[in-house]
Amino acid sequence: MALSVSITVNGRRCDRDIEPRLLLVHFLRDTLGLTGTKIGCDTSQCGACMVQLDGVAVKSCTCLAAQADGSSITTIEGLAPDGKLDPIQEAFWEKHGLQCGFCTPGMIFTTRALLEGNSNPSAEQIRHALEGNMCRCTGYQNIVRSVQAAAAAGGR
């Protein structure tokens, strides 16, 4: 049984018929081809699948696509539609807050959420905010530096 949904993704309206149990992460990756949203664990532990759903950072592996019907989603691809990095992406690039890049979308969306509520977080507050995101490549110090640089640049 197909379910019709209308979801705006990165500013584009997407009308699709979907399986009611389809996870949002699979809708984005498999139906729309937006592979910047990663599947890391399928258990909501790693944060690699984060997107913004109506302006709120969510783990897309914990949300059904049907729950996003009528909503607006921003994926990592939507942050730089013209190829120009947004301030947080730029800070991660400049401060080497990424290595393989797999966790980076989740780290960036977590950073956006943090900086919207706290424009000048301490290193401790940054580490606490990032607790729901796993990186297997770094010791997190460059990620913390990246968030601090984004905050200093006024990134959100």
Protein backbone atom coordinates (compact mmCIF):
# COMPACT_ATOMS: atom_id res chain seq x y z
CA MET A 1 0.00 0.00 0.00
CA ALA A 2 1.58 3.26 -1.13
CA LEU A 3 1.26 6.51 0.77
CA SER A 4 1.50 9.89 -0.98
CA VAL A 5 3.79 12.48 0.61
CA SER A 6 4.85 15.99 -0.28
CA ILE A 7 8.15 17.00 1.28
CA THR A 8 10.23 20.06 0.47
CA VAL A 9 13.88 19.04 0.37
CA ASN A 10 16.57 21.70 -0.03
CA GLY A 11 13.96 24.10 -1.35
CA ARG A 12 12.44 21.70 -3.89
CA ARG A 13 9.03 20.17 -3.45
CA CYS A 14 9.07 16.39 -3.82
CA ASP A 15 5.77 14.56 -4.31
CA ARG A 16 6.21 10.81 -4.09
CA ASP A 17 4.30 7.63 -3.36
CA ILE A 18 6.17 5.72 -0.66
CA GLU A 19 5.95 2.62 1.47
CA PRO A 20 4.51 3.72 4.84
CA ARG A 21 7.46 2.19 6.77
CA LEU A 22 10.15 3.91 4.69
CA LEU A 23 12.68 5.68 6.90
CA LEU A 24 13.47 9.30 6.10
CA VAL A 25 17.17 8.44 5.61
CA HIS A 26 16.24 5.92 2.90
CA PHE A 27 13.81 8.36 1.27
CA LEU A 28 16.59 10.95 1.02
CA ARG A 29 19.31 8.56 -0.15
CA ASP A 30 17.45 5.98 -2.23
CA THR A 31 14.43 7.87 -3.53
CA LEU A 32 15.99 11.31 -4.02
CA GLY A 33 19.65 10.33 -4.49
CA LEU A 34 20.92 12.68 -1.76
CA THR A 35 23.75 10.53 -0.49
CA GLY A 36 25.33 13.20 1.72
CA THR A 37 23.03 11.92 4.45
CA LYS A 38 24.92 8.88 5.73
CA ILE A 39 23.75 5.62 7.24
CA GLY A 40 26.17 4.78 9.99
CA CYS A 41 24.51 2.55 12.51
CA ASP A 42 20.75 2.30 11.84
CA THR A 43 20.19 2.56 15.60
CA SER A 44 20.39 6.36 16.15
CA GLN A 45 23.71 6.02 17.96
CA CYS A 46 26.15 7.72 15.55
CA GLY A 47 24.44 10.88 14.23
CA ALA A 48 25.76 10.52 10.66
CA CYS A 49 22.21 10.68 9.28
CA MET A 50 21.30 14.09 10.73
CA VAL A 51 19.30 16.58 8.71
CA GLN A 52 17.21 19.61 9.59
CA LEU A 53 13.47 18.92 9.65
CA ASP A 54 11.51 22.16 9.86
CA GLY A 55 14.62 23.81 11.29
CA VAL A 56 15.27 21.16 13.96
CA ALA A 57 18.25 18.79 13.79
CA VAL A 58 16.98 15.20 13.69
CA LYS A 59 18.47 11.78 13.12
CA SER A 60 16.78 10.71 9.90
CA CYS A 61 17.14 7.01 10.75
CA THR A 62 14.63 7.52 13.58
CA CYS A 63 11.96 9.24 11.50
CA LEU A 64 9.59 7.80 8.94
CA ALA A 65 9.39 9.65 5.65
CA ALA A 66 5.61 9.77 6.15
CA GLN A 67 6.16 11.80 9.33
CA ALA A 68 7.90 14.45 7.22
CA ASP A 69 4.88 14.91 4.94
CA GLY A 70 4.28 18.64 4.54
CA SER A 71 7.63 19.48 6.10
CA SER A 72 10.78 21.16 4.91
CA ILE A 73 14.09 19.29 5.10
CA THR A 74 17.62 20.56 4.64
CA THR A 75 20.33 18.02 3.92
CA ILE A 76 24.07 18.66 3.79
CA GLU A 77 23.72 19.22 0.04
CA GLY A 78 21.25 22.03 0.75
CA LEU A 79 23.77 24.03 2.79
CA ALA A 80 25.90 24.82 -0.27
CA PRO A 81 23.54 24.71 -3.25
CA ASP A 82 25.69 27.06 -5.33
CA GLY A 83 28.95 25.39 -4.31
CA LYS A 84 29.84 28.04 -1.73
CA LEU A 85 30.30 26.50 1.71
CA ASP A 86 28.22 27.88 4.55
CA PRO A 87 30.21 29.31 7.53
CA ILE A 88 30.11 26.08 9.53
CA GLN A 89 31.24 23.98 6.59
CA GLU A 90 34.00 26.52 5.95
CA ALA A 91 35.14 26.31 9.59
CA PHE A 92 35.26 22.50 9.45
CA TRP A 93 37.35 22.76 6.27
CA GLU A 94 39.73 25.39 7.63
CA LYS A 95 40.25 23.77 11.06
CA HIS A 96 40.47 20.19 9.78
CA GLY A 97 37.34 19.06 11.63
CA LEU A 98 36.87 16.24 9.19
CA GLN A 99 38.94 13.39 7.93
CA CYS A 100 36.97 10.78 6.04
CA GLY A 101 33.90 13.04 6.08
CA PHE A 102 31.43 10.31 7.00
CA CYS A 103 30.33 11.91 10.28
CA THR A 104 30.63 15.48 9.01
CA PRO A 105 26.97 16.06 8.03
CA GLY A 106 25.84 15.10 11.53
CA MET A 107 28.56 17.19 13.16
CA ILE A 108 27.59 20.20 11.05
CA PHE A 109 23.87 19.94 11.80
CA THR A 110 24.61 19.46 15.50
CA THR A 111 26.84 22.53 15.38
CA ARG A 112 24.09 24.55 13.68
CA ALA A 113 21.64 23.56 16.42
CA LEU A 114 24.16 24.39 19.15
CA LEU A 115 25.05 27.80 17.73
CA GLU A 116 21.41 28.76 17.24
CA GLY A 117 20.94 28.45 21.00
CA ASN A 118 24.40 29.48 22.15
CA SER A 119 26.49 31.71 19.90
CA ASN A 120 29.63 31.39 22.05
CA PRO A 121 29.80 27.90 23.58
CA SER A 122 32.68 26.74 25.72
CA ALA A 123 34.74 23.69 24.72
CA GLU A 124 32.87 21.71 27.38
CA GLN A 125 29.49 22.80 25.98
CA ILE A 126 30.61 21.87 22.47
CA ARG A 127 31.74 18.42 23.59
CA HIS A 128 28.44 17.90 25.40
CA ALA A 129 26.44 18.95 22.32
CA LEU A 130 28.42 16.54 20.14
CA GLU A 131 27.88 13.54 22.43
CA GLY A 132 25.24 12.10 20.07
CA ASN A 133 27.68 12.09 17.14
CA MET A 134 30.45 9.54 16.65
CA CYS A 135 33.66 10.09 14.72
CA ARG A 136 35.96 7.14 14.29
CA CYS A 137 38.82 9.11 12.68
CA THR A 138 39.66 11.94 15.06
CA GLY A 139 40.13 12.67 18.73
CA TYR A 140 37.45 15.36 18.42
CA GLN A 141 39.85 18.23 19.19
CA ASN A 142 39.81 19.53 15.62
CA ILE A 143 36.03 19.19 15.59
CA VAL A 144 35.84 21.33 18.75
CA ARG A 145 38.20 23.86 17.14
CA SER A 146 35.98 23.88 14.06
CA VAL A 147 32.89 24.64 16.13
CA GLN A 148 34.75 27.40 17.97
CA ALA A 149 35.84 28.89 14.62
CA ALA A 150 32.28 28.70 13.29
CA ALA A 151 31.03 30.47 16.42
CA ALA A 152 33.67 33.18 16.06
CA ALA A 153 32.62 33.66 12.41
CA GLY A 154 28.97 33.97 13.42
CA GLY A 155 28.03 30.69 11.74
CA ARG A 156 24.54 29.24 12.09
